[in-house]
Amino acid sequence: MDKKLTGSVSITIPFHDVDPMRIVWHGHYVKYFEIARCELLKKIEYDYPQMAESGYLWPVVDLKIKYVKAIEYGDLINVTASLIEYENRIKIQYRISNESGDVITKGQTTQVAVNAKTQELEFCSPQILIDNVKEELKSYD
């Protein structure tokens, strides 16, 4: 995919996300990825409600995270989710950066389509996802 569809969010780190050292607990990074992923999915009009309406479940089957620097209480971060594959699965790359633009964390998730009725794995993405991505990509021209 030459053009990348992205969704971005800014988050100020709340107190309840940090440990006693005021550093973000490692598991919360996945939550930040999820918030950005939802922004991306909304752009292509295929967020979780639309997934359910289309008859497919999209479990995450692979997650990778590279922690580069710590995030602390009160930090303002920008989280960007970029769609890099969509025809046979949804693969998204993530980048968390600080106010200066320094990379703090990188990651990637892979989700696959599962037919909600049969619980069977689909080897190709549903046509609605493919059509929605192509439609959004047209607006980049």
Protein backbone atom coordinates (compact mmCIF):
# COMPACT_ATOMS: atom_id res chain seq x y z
CA MET A 1 0.00 0.00 0.00
CA ASP A 2 1.71 3.20 -1.19
CA LYS A 3 -0.45 5.67 0.73
CA LYS A 4 -0.95 5.10 4.43
CA LEU A 5 -4.24 5.76 6.14
CA THR A 6 -3.64 7.05 9.63
CA GLY A 7 -5.51 7.97 12.75
CA SER A 8 -3.96 10.05 15.53
CA VAL A 9 -4.84 11.05 19.07
CA SER A 10 -3.20 13.17 21.75
CA ILE A 11 -3.36 11.89 25.31
CA THR A 12 -2.27 13.53 28.55
CA ILE A 13 -1.19 10.70 30.86
CA PRO A 14 -3.55 10.40 33.84
CA PHE A 15 -2.44 9.50 37.35
CA HIS A 16 -4.31 6.17 37.28
CA ASP A 17 -2.07 4.93 34.42
CA VAL A 18 1.19 5.22 36.35
CA ASP A 19 2.97 3.03 38.87
CA PRO A 20 4.48 4.21 42.21
CA MET A 21 7.49 5.58 40.28
CA ARG A 22 5.09 7.77 38.20
CA ILE A 23 5.99 5.78 35.06
CA VAL A 24 3.22 4.43 32.79
CA TRP A 25 2.64 0.73 33.45
CA HIS A 26 3.67 -1.22 30.34
CA GLY A 27 0.19 -2.69 29.74
CA HIS A 28 -1.38 0.73 29.21
CA TYR A 29 0.55 1.23 25.97
CA VAL A 30 -1.80 -1.31 24.37
CA LYS A 31 -4.75 0.83 25.49
CA TYR A 32 -3.17 3.87 23.81
CA PHE A 33 -2.73 1.81 20.62
CA GLU A 34 -6.41 0.86 20.80
CA ILE A 35 -7.54 4.48 21.12
CA ALA A 36 -5.56 5.43 17.99
CA ARG A 37 -6.74 2.29 16.16
CA CYS A 38 -10.37 3.31 16.75
CA GLU A 39 -9.64 6.76 15.26
CA LEU A 40 -8.19 5.06 12.19
CA LEU A 41 -11.14 2.66 11.88
CA LYS A 42 -13.61 5.56 12.18
CA LYS A 43 -11.90 7.22 9.20
CA ILE A 44 -12.69 4.21 7.03
CA GLU A 45 -16.17 3.84 8.55
CA TYR A 46 -15.37 0.38 9.86
CA ASP A 47 -15.07 0.86 13.62
CA TYR A 48 -16.20 -1.89 15.98
CA PRO A 49 -19.96 -1.25 15.61
CA GLN A 50 -19.65 -1.48 11.79
CA MET A 51 -17.55 -4.64 12.13
CA ALA A 52 -20.30 -6.26 14.18
CA GLU A 53 -22.99 -5.09 11.74
CA SER A 54 -21.03 -6.62 8.85
CA GLY A 55 -21.04 -10.02 10.60
CA TYR A 56 -17.36 -10.25 11.45
CA LEU A 57 -15.28 -10.37 14.59
CA TRP A 58 -11.71 -9.05 14.41
CA PRO A 59 -9.56 -10.55 17.18
CA VAL A 60 -5.98 -9.35 17.60
CA VAL A 61 -3.80 -12.38 16.83
CA ASP A 62 -0.40 -10.71 17.05
CA LEU A 63 0.93 -7.75 19.04
CA LYS A 64 4.46 -6.34 19.05
CA ILE A 65 5.74 -3.48 21.17
CA LYS A 66 9.16 -1.84 21.30
CA TYR A 67 9.58 0.40 24.36
CA VAL A 68 12.12 3.12 23.58
CA LYS A 69 11.62 5.63 26.41
CA ALA A 70 9.43 5.86 29.50
CA ILE A 71 6.23 7.88 29.64
CA GLU A 72 5.50 9.68 32.90
CA TYR A 73 2.49 11.12 34.68
CA GLY A 74 1.29 14.33 32.98
CA ASP A 75 3.21 13.79 29.73
CA LEU A 76 1.40 14.72 26.54
CA ILE A 77 1.80 12.00 23.94
CA ASN A 78 0.70 11.63 20.34
CA VAL A 79 -0.32 8.15 19.21
CA THR A 80 -0.55 7.41 15.49
CA ALA A 81 -2.00 4.25 13.97
CA SER A 82 -1.17 3.53 10.31
CA LEU A 83 -2.93 0.89 8.22
CA ILE A 84 -0.30 -1.14 6.36
CA GLU A 85 -2.34 -4.19 5.25
CA TYR A 86 -6.06 -4.76 4.77
CA GLU A 87 -6.76 -7.25 1.97
CA ASN A 88 -6.26 -10.48 3.95
CA ARG A 89 -6.01 -9.11 7.47
CA ILE A 90 -5.77 -5.79 9.25
CA LYS A 91 -2.17 -4.92 10.09
CA ILE A 92 -1.55 -1.61 11.85
CA GLN A 93 1.71 0.07 12.87
CA TYR A 94 1.77 2.40 15.88
CA ARG A 95 4.03 5.23 16.91
CA ILE A 96 3.91 7.02 20.23
CA SER A 97 5.84 10.27 20.40
CA ASN A 98 6.29 13.03 22.94
CA GLU A 99 5.65 16.76 22.49
CA SER A 100 9.09 17.17 20.88
CA GLY A 101 8.31 14.46 18.32
CA ASP A 102 10.75 11.95 19.83
CA VAL A 103 9.68 8.33 19.40
CA ILE A 104 8.78 6.76 22.72
CA THR A 105 7.22 3.50 21.61
CA LYS A 106 6.61 1.61 18.37
CA GLY A 107 4.29 -1.31 17.83
CA GLN A 108 2.18 -3.37 15.49
CA THR A 109 -1.02 -5.40 15.66
CA THR A 110 -2.52 -7.96 13.33
CA GLN A 111 -6.25 -8.71 13.33
CA VAL A 112 -8.05 -11.36 11.31
CA ALA A 113 -11.66 -11.62 10.20
CA VAL A 114 -13.76 -14.31 11.85
CA ASN A 115 -17.29 -15.02 10.65
CA ALA A 116 -19.51 -14.18 13.64
CA LYS A 117 -22.06 -16.91 12.85
CA THR A 118 -19.75 -19.82 12.02
CA GLN A 119 -16.72 -18.73 14.09
CA GLU A 120 -14.57 -19.64 11.08
CA LEU A 121 -11.47 -17.71 10.09
CA GLU A 122 -11.78 -15.83 6.80
CA PHE A 123 -8.70 -15.90 4.56
CA CYS A 124 -9.66 -12.66 2.80
CA SER A 125 -10.97 -9.48 4.35
CA PRO A 126 -14.68 -8.80 3.90
CA GLN A 127 -15.51 -6.75 0.81
CA ILE A 128 -16.96 -3.94 2.94
CA LEU A 129 -13.55 -3.31 4.52
CA ILE A 130 -11.76 -3.38 1.17
CA ASP A 131 -14.33 -1.02 -0.38
CA ASN A 132 -14.17 1.39 2.57
CA VAL A 133 -10.36 1.54 2.50
CA LYS A 134 -10.31 2.12 -1.26
CA GLU A 135 -12.92 4.86 -0.90
CA GLU A 136 -10.90 6.63 1.78
CA LEU A 137 -7.70 6.29 -0.27
CA LYS A 138 -9.45 8.10 -3.16
CA SER A 139 -9.68 11.18 -0.96
CA TYR A 140 -5.86 11.18 -0.73
CA ASP A 141 -5.52 11.78 -4.49
